[in-house]
């Protein structure tokens, strides 16, 4: 993945997170409250938006490592995406997908930590 594509992914991810947050707070507020799914929607938005700046940070790195970008992107899609769908449809089986997205998000963080540890060891 080149720098331009990485910035594009980060920008679109942030934009969609903000748009879905606003959409849930305004256009979907009545529906989400009726189904008691406001907290589920807000959790999806929170995790979505927490990882958008991380994608931006990764895009700005001198050496772009595609793996954590793919892990975070896939994690956002599965974690937040399944929660968005659950909140809108109340199909509770969608909640079974959410942990896989969470695992991908955690793997992205571990990848960054391992890369930092490996870089530190190579400098010694």
N, C-alpha and C. Protein backbone atom coordinates (compact mmCIF):
# COMPACT_ATOMS: atom_id res chain seq x y z
N UNK A 1 0.86 -1.18 0.00
CA UNK A 1 0.00 0.00 0.00
C UNK A 1 0.89 1.23 0.00
N UNK A 2 0.57 2.18 -0.86
CA UNK A 2 1.37 3.40 -0.90
C UNK A 2 0.77 4.45 0.04
N UNK A 3 1.52 5.51 0.25
CA UNK A 3 1.13 6.56 1.20
C UNK A 3 -0.21 7.19 0.82
N UNK A 4 -0.42 7.45 -0.46
CA UNK A 4 -1.67 8.07 -0.92
C UNK A 4 -2.86 7.18 -0.57
N UNK A 5 -2.75 5.90 -0.84
CA UNK A 5 -3.84 4.97 -0.54
C UNK A 5 -4.09 4.88 0.97
N UNK A 6 -3.02 4.89 1.75
CA UNK A 6 -3.16 4.82 3.21
C UNK A 6 -3.86 6.06 3.76
N UNK A 7 -3.51 7.25 3.24
CA UNK A 7 -4.19 8.47 3.66
C UNK A 7 -5.65 8.47 3.21
N UNK A 8 -5.90 7.92 2.03
CA UNK A 8 -7.27 7.83 1.53
C UNK A 8 -8.13 6.94 2.44
N UNK A 9 -7.58 5.80 2.83
CA UNK A 9 -8.28 4.89 3.74
C UNK A 9 -8.55 5.58 5.07
N UNK A 10 -7.55 6.26 5.61
CA UNK A 10 -7.71 6.95 6.90
C UNK A 10 -8.76 8.06 6.81
N UNK A 11 -8.72 8.84 5.76
CA UNK A 11 -9.67 9.93 5.60
C UNK A 11 -11.10 9.44 5.43
N UNK A 12 -11.28 8.44 4.62
CA UNK A 12 -12.62 7.89 4.41
C UNK A 12 -13.14 7.24 5.68
N UNK A 13 -12.27 6.54 6.40
CA UNK A 13 -12.67 5.91 7.65
C UNK A 13 -13.14 6.95 8.66
N UNK A 14 -12.39 8.03 8.81
CA UNK A 14 -12.79 9.09 9.72
C UNK A 14 -14.09 9.76 9.30
N UNK A 15 -14.23 10.03 8.01
CA UNK A 15 -15.44 10.66 7.49
C UNK A 15 -16.67 9.79 7.77
N UNK A 16 -16.56 8.51 7.47
CA UNK A 16 -17.70 7.60 7.68
C UNK A 16 -18.03 7.49 9.17
N UNK A 17 -17.01 7.47 10.02
CA UNK A 17 -17.26 7.40 11.46
C UNK A 17 -18.03 8.61 11.97
N UNK A 18 -17.62 9.80 11.53
CA UNK A 18 -18.32 11.02 11.93
C UNK A 18 -19.74 11.02 11.36
N UNK A 19 -19.88 10.64 10.10
CA UNK A 19 -21.21 10.63 9.47
C UNK A 19 -22.15 9.66 10.18
N UNK A 20 -21.66 8.46 10.51
CA UNK A 20 -22.51 7.49 11.19
C UNK A 20 -22.83 7.92 12.62
N UNK A 21 -21.89 8.57 13.28
CA UNK A 21 -22.16 9.10 14.61
C UNK A 21 -23.27 10.13 14.58
N UNK A 22 -23.19 11.06 13.63
CA UNK A 22 -24.22 12.09 13.50
C UNK A 22 -25.55 11.49 13.06
N UNK A 23 -25.50 10.55 12.14
CA UNK A 23 -26.71 9.89 11.65
C UNK A 23 -27.43 9.18 12.79
N UNK A 24 -26.66 8.49 13.63
CA UNK A 24 -27.26 7.80 14.77
C UNK A 24 -27.82 8.74 15.81
N UNK A 25 -27.16 9.86 16.01
CA UNK A 25 -27.60 10.82 17.02
C UNK A 25 -28.82 11.62 16.58
N UNK A 26 -29.03 11.72 15.28
CA UNK A 26 -30.12 12.57 14.78
C UNK A 26 -31.17 11.74 14.02
N UNK A 27 -30.82 11.27 12.85
CA UNK A 27 -31.80 10.60 11.99
C UNK A 27 -32.29 9.27 12.55
N UNK A 28 -31.42 8.56 13.25
CA UNK A 28 -31.80 7.23 13.77
C UNK A 28 -32.14 7.24 15.25
N UNK A 29 -32.10 8.39 15.88
CA UNK A 29 -32.26 8.46 17.34
C UNK A 29 -33.52 7.75 17.82
N UNK A 30 -34.64 8.01 17.20
CA UNK A 30 -35.91 7.41 17.62
C UNK A 30 -35.89 5.89 17.44
N UNK A 31 -35.37 5.44 16.31
CA UNK A 31 -35.32 4.00 16.03
C UNK A 31 -34.39 3.29 17.02
N UNK A 32 -33.21 3.86 17.23
CA UNK A 32 -32.25 3.24 18.14
C UNK A 32 -32.79 3.20 19.57
N UNK A 33 -33.44 4.27 20.00
CA UNK A 33 -34.01 4.29 21.35
C UNK A 33 -35.18 3.31 21.47
N UNK A 34 -35.99 3.20 20.42
CA UNK A 34 -37.13 2.27 20.45
C UNK A 34 -36.67 0.82 20.60
N UNK A 35 -35.55 0.50 19.96
CA UNK A 35 -35.00 -0.86 20.04
C UNK A 35 -33.98 -1.02 21.17
N UNK A 36 -33.80 0.03 21.96
CA UNK A 36 -32.81 0.05 23.04
C UNK A 36 -31.42 -0.32 22.52
N UNK A 37 -31.05 0.29 21.41
CA UNK A 37 -29.78 0.00 20.75
C UNK A 37 -28.87 1.22 20.64
N UNK A 38 -29.20 2.30 21.34
CA UNK A 38 -28.35 3.49 21.29
C UNK A 38 -26.94 3.20 21.79
N UNK A 39 -26.81 2.45 22.85
CA UNK A 39 -25.49 2.13 23.41
C UNK A 39 -24.68 1.28 22.43
N UNK A 40 -25.34 0.36 21.75
CA UNK A 40 -24.66 -0.49 20.76
C UNK A 40 -24.13 0.38 19.63
N UNK A 41 -24.97 1.29 19.12
CA UNK A 41 -24.55 2.19 18.04
C UNK A 41 -23.38 3.06 18.50
N UNK A 42 -23.48 3.60 19.71
CA UNK A 42 -22.41 4.47 20.23
C UNK A 42 -21.10 3.72 20.41
N UNK A 43 -21.17 2.45 20.81
CA UNK A 43 -19.95 1.64 20.92
C UNK A 43 -19.32 1.44 19.55
N UNK A 44 -20.15 1.18 18.55
CA UNK A 44 -19.63 1.01 17.18
C UNK A 44 -18.93 2.28 16.72
N UNK A 45 -19.56 3.43 16.96
CA UNK A 45 -18.97 4.71 16.55
C UNK A 45 -17.67 4.97 17.31
N UNK A 46 -17.67 4.70 18.61
CA UNK A 46 -16.47 4.93 19.42
C UNK A 46 -15.27 4.14 18.89
N UNK A 47 -15.45 2.85 18.70
CA UNK A 47 -14.33 2.03 18.21
C UNK A 47 -13.94 2.43 16.79
N UNK A 48 -14.91 2.77 15.98
CA UNK A 48 -14.65 3.23 14.62
C UNK A 48 -13.76 4.47 14.66
N UNK A 49 -14.17 5.46 15.47
CA UNK A 49 -13.44 6.73 15.50
C UNK A 49 -12.11 6.67 16.26
N UNK A 50 -11.99 5.76 17.20
CA UNK A 50 -10.70 5.60 17.88
C UNK A 50 -9.64 5.13 16.89
N UNK A 51 -10.04 4.29 15.96
CA UNK A 51 -9.05 3.71 15.05
C UNK A 51 -8.80 4.55 13.80
N UNK A 52 -9.65 5.52 13.50
CA UNK A 52 -9.41 6.40 12.35
C UNK A 52 -8.11 7.20 12.51
N UNK A 53 -7.85 7.83 13.68
CA UNK A 53 -6.56 8.54 13.83
C UNK A 53 -5.35 7.59 13.81
N UNK A 54 -5.55 6.38 14.26
CA UNK A 54 -4.45 5.41 14.20
C UNK A 54 -4.11 5.12 12.74
N UNK A 55 -5.14 4.98 11.91
CA UNK A 55 -4.89 4.77 10.48
C UNK A 55 -4.17 5.98 9.88
N UNK A 56 -4.56 7.16 10.32
CA UNK A 56 -3.90 8.38 9.85
C UNK A 56 -2.43 8.40 10.27
N UNK A 57 -2.17 8.03 11.51
CA UNK A 57 -0.80 7.96 12.01
C UNK A 57 0.02 6.95 11.20
N UNK A 58 -0.57 5.79 10.95
CA UNK A 58 0.13 4.77 10.16
C UNK A 58 0.43 5.27 8.75
N UNK A 59 -0.50 6.02 8.17
CA UNK A 59 -0.30 6.56 6.82
C UNK A 59 0.86 7.56 6.78
N UNK A 60 1.07 8.25 7.89
CA UNK A 60 2.12 9.26 7.94
C UNK A 60 3.50 8.72 8.29
N UNK A 61 3.59 7.45 8.57
CA UNK A 61 4.88 6.86 8.92
C UNK A 61 5.79 6.84 7.70
N UNK A 62 7.07 6.95 7.96
CA UNK A 62 8.06 6.94 6.87
C UNK A 62 7.96 5.64 6.08
N UNK A 63 7.92 4.54 6.77
CA UNK A 63 7.73 3.24 6.14
C UNK A 63 6.33 2.75 6.46
N UNK A 64 5.51 2.65 5.45
CA UNK A 64 4.12 2.24 5.68
C UNK A 64 4.08 0.72 5.76
N UNK A 65 3.56 0.24 6.86
CA UNK A 65 3.37 -1.19 7.04
C UNK A 65 1.90 -1.50 6.79
N UNK A 66 1.64 -2.24 5.76
CA UNK A 66 0.28 -2.53 5.32
C UNK A 66 -0.49 -3.41 6.30
N UNK A 67 0.19 -4.31 6.97
CA UNK A 67 -0.51 -5.28 7.82
C UNK A 67 -1.37 -4.64 8.89
N UNK A 68 -0.87 -3.70 9.71
CA UNK A 68 -1.77 -3.13 10.71
C UNK A 68 -2.91 -2.32 10.09
N UNK A 69 -2.67 -1.71 8.95
CA UNK A 69 -3.75 -0.98 8.27
C UNK A 69 -4.85 -1.96 7.87
N UNK A 70 -4.46 -3.09 7.34
CA UNK A 70 -5.45 -4.11 6.97
C UNK A 70 -6.15 -4.69 8.19
N UNK A 71 -5.39 -4.91 9.27
CA UNK A 71 -6.00 -5.44 10.49
C UNK A 71 -7.00 -4.45 11.08
N UNK A 72 -6.62 -3.17 11.17
CA UNK A 72 -7.54 -2.17 11.71
C UNK A 72 -8.74 -1.98 10.79
N UNK A 73 -8.50 -1.91 9.49
CA UNK A 73 -9.62 -1.73 8.55
C UNK A 73 -10.60 -2.88 8.62
N UNK A 74 -10.09 -4.10 8.62
CA UNK A 74 -10.95 -5.28 8.72
C UNK A 74 -11.64 -5.33 10.08
N UNK A 75 -10.91 -4.96 11.11
CA UNK A 75 -11.49 -4.95 12.46
C UNK A 75 -12.62 -3.96 12.59
N UNK A 76 -12.44 -2.77 12.02
CA UNK A 76 -13.51 -1.77 12.04
C UNK A 76 -14.73 -2.30 11.29
N UNK A 77 -14.49 -2.89 10.12
CA UNK A 77 -15.62 -3.41 9.34
C UNK A 77 -16.39 -4.49 10.10
N UNK A 78 -15.65 -5.43 10.70
CA UNK A 78 -16.33 -6.52 11.40
C UNK A 78 -16.89 -6.09 12.75
N UNK A 79 -16.10 -5.37 13.55
CA UNK A 79 -16.55 -4.97 14.88
C UNK A 79 -17.65 -3.92 14.78
N UNK A 80 -17.30 -2.76 14.27
CA UNK A 80 -18.28 -1.68 14.20
C UNK A 80 -19.39 -2.00 13.22
N UNK A 81 -19.03 -2.59 12.09
CA UNK A 81 -20.04 -2.93 11.09
C UNK A 81 -21.10 -3.88 11.62
N UNK A 82 -20.67 -4.89 12.36
CA UNK A 82 -21.65 -5.83 12.92
C UNK A 82 -22.52 -5.16 13.98
N UNK A 83 -21.93 -4.24 14.75
CA UNK A 83 -22.72 -3.52 15.75
C UNK A 83 -23.70 -2.53 15.09
N UNK A 84 -23.26 -1.86 14.02
CA UNK A 84 -24.18 -0.98 13.29
C UNK A 84 -25.36 -1.80 12.78
N UNK A 85 -25.06 -2.94 12.16
CA UNK A 85 -26.12 -3.78 11.61
C UNK A 85 -27.03 -4.32 12.71
N UNK A 86 -26.44 -4.74 13.83
CA UNK A 86 -27.23 -5.23 14.96
C UNK A 86 -28.17 -4.14 15.48
N UNK A 87 -27.67 -2.94 15.61
CA UNK A 87 -28.48 -1.83 16.13
C UNK A 87 -29.64 -1.51 15.19
N UNK A 88 -29.42 -1.65 13.90
CA UNK A 88 -30.47 -1.31 12.94
C UNK A 88 -31.48 -2.44 12.73
N UNK A 89 -31.03 -3.68 12.85
CA UNK A 89 -31.90 -4.80 12.52
C UNK A 89 -32.36 -5.59 13.73
N UNK A 90 -31.66 -5.46 14.85
CA UNK A 90 -31.86 -6.27 16.06
C UNK A 90 -31.76 -7.77 15.77
N UNK A 91 -31.03 -8.14 14.74
CA UNK A 91 -30.73 -9.55 14.48
C UNK A 91 -29.55 -9.93 15.38
N UNK A 92 -29.86 -10.55 16.49
CA UNK A 92 -28.85 -10.77 17.53
C UNK A 92 -27.72 -11.69 17.11
N UNK A 93 -27.91 -12.51 16.09
CA UNK A 93 -26.82 -13.37 15.63
C UNK A 93 -25.66 -12.55 15.08
N UNK A 94 -25.92 -11.30 14.69
CA UNK A 94 -24.83 -10.43 14.21
C UNK A 94 -23.80 -10.17 15.30
N UNK A 95 -24.24 -10.24 16.55
CA UNK A 95 -23.31 -10.06 17.67
C UNK A 95 -22.22 -11.12 17.71
N UNK A 96 -22.45 -12.25 17.07
CA UNK A 96 -21.43 -13.30 17.02
C UNK A 96 -20.24 -12.91 16.15
N UNK A 97 -20.44 -11.97 15.25
CA UNK A 97 -19.36 -11.51 14.36
C UNK A 97 -18.45 -10.51 15.07
N UNK A 98 -19.03 -9.75 15.98
CA UNK A 98 -18.33 -8.65 16.64
C UNK A 98 -16.99 -9.06 17.27
N UNK A 99 -16.91 -10.17 18.01
CA UNK A 99 -15.62 -10.52 18.62
C UNK A 99 -14.49 -10.75 17.61
N UNK A 100 -14.83 -11.22 16.42
CA UNK A 100 -13.78 -11.41 15.41
C UNK A 100 -13.19 -10.07 14.99
N UNK A 101 -14.05 -9.07 14.88
CA UNK A 101 -13.56 -7.72 14.60
C UNK A 101 -12.70 -7.20 15.73
N UNK A 102 -13.12 -7.46 16.97
CA UNK A 102 -12.33 -7.05 18.13
C UNK A 102 -10.96 -7.70 18.14
N UNK A 103 -10.91 -8.97 17.78
CA UNK A 103 -9.62 -9.68 17.71
C UNK A 103 -8.72 -9.06 16.65
N UNK A 104 -9.29 -8.67 15.52
CA UNK A 104 -8.49 -8.02 14.48
C UNK A 104 -7.96 -6.67 14.94
N UNK A 105 -8.78 -5.91 15.66
CA UNK A 105 -8.32 -4.63 16.20
C UNK A 105 -7.19 -4.85 17.20
N UNK A 106 -7.33 -5.83 18.07
CA UNK A 106 -6.27 -6.13 19.04
C UNK A 106 -5.01 -6.60 18.32
N UNK A 107 -5.17 -7.38 17.26
CA UNK A 107 -4.01 -7.84 16.50
C UNK A 107 -3.27 -6.66 15.87
N UNK A 108 -4.01 -5.66 15.41
CA UNK A 108 -3.37 -4.46 14.86
C UNK A 108 -2.52 -3.75 15.89
N UNK A 109 -3.05 -3.64 17.11
CA UNK A 109 -2.28 -3.00 18.19
C UNK A 109 -1.05 -3.84 18.55
N UNK A 110 -1.21 -5.15 18.61
CA UNK A 110 -0.07 -6.01 18.90
C UNK A 110 0.98 -5.94 17.81
N UNK A 111 0.54 -5.81 16.56
CA UNK A 111 1.49 -5.70 15.45
C UNK A 111 2.35 -4.45 15.63
N UNK A 112 1.71 -3.34 15.99
CA UNK A 112 2.45 -2.09 16.22
C UNK A 112 3.43 -2.27 17.38
N UNK A 113 2.97 -2.87 18.47
CA UNK A 113 3.84 -3.08 19.63
C UNK A 113 5.02 -3.99 19.28
N UNK A 114 4.75 -5.06 18.55
CA UNK A 114 5.83 -5.97 18.17
C UNK A 114 6.82 -5.28 17.23
N UNK A 115 6.31 -4.48 16.30
CA UNK A 115 7.20 -3.77 15.37
C UNK A 115 8.10 -2.80 16.14
N UNK A 116 7.54 -2.13 17.15
CA UNK A 116 8.35 -1.22 17.97
C UNK A 116 9.39 -1.98 18.77
N UNK A 117 9.00 -3.11 19.32
CA UNK A 117 9.93 -3.93 20.09
C UNK A 117 11.05 -4.44 19.19
N UNK A 118 10.68 -4.89 18.01
CA UNK A 118 11.67 -5.42 17.06
C UNK A 118 12.61 -4.32 16.61
N UNK A 119 12.10 -3.12 16.37
CA UNK A 119 12.94 -2.00 15.93
C UNK A 119 13.92 -1.61 17.04
N UNK A 120 13.44 -1.62 18.27
CA UNK A 120 14.30 -1.28 19.41
C UNK A 120 15.44 -2.30 19.55
N UNK A 121 15.11 -3.56 19.40
CA UNK A 121 16.13 -4.62 19.52
C UNK A 121 17.16 -4.54 18.40
N UNK A 122 16.73 -4.15 17.20
CA UNK A 122 17.66 -4.07 16.08
C UNK A 122 18.61 -2.88 16.21
N UNK A 123 18.21 -1.86 16.98
CA UNK A 123 19.05 -0.68 17.18
C UNK A 123 20.13 -0.92 18.24
N UNK A 124 19.96 -1.95 19.04
CA UNK A 124 20.91 -2.20 20.14
C UNK A 124 22.15 -2.89 19.63
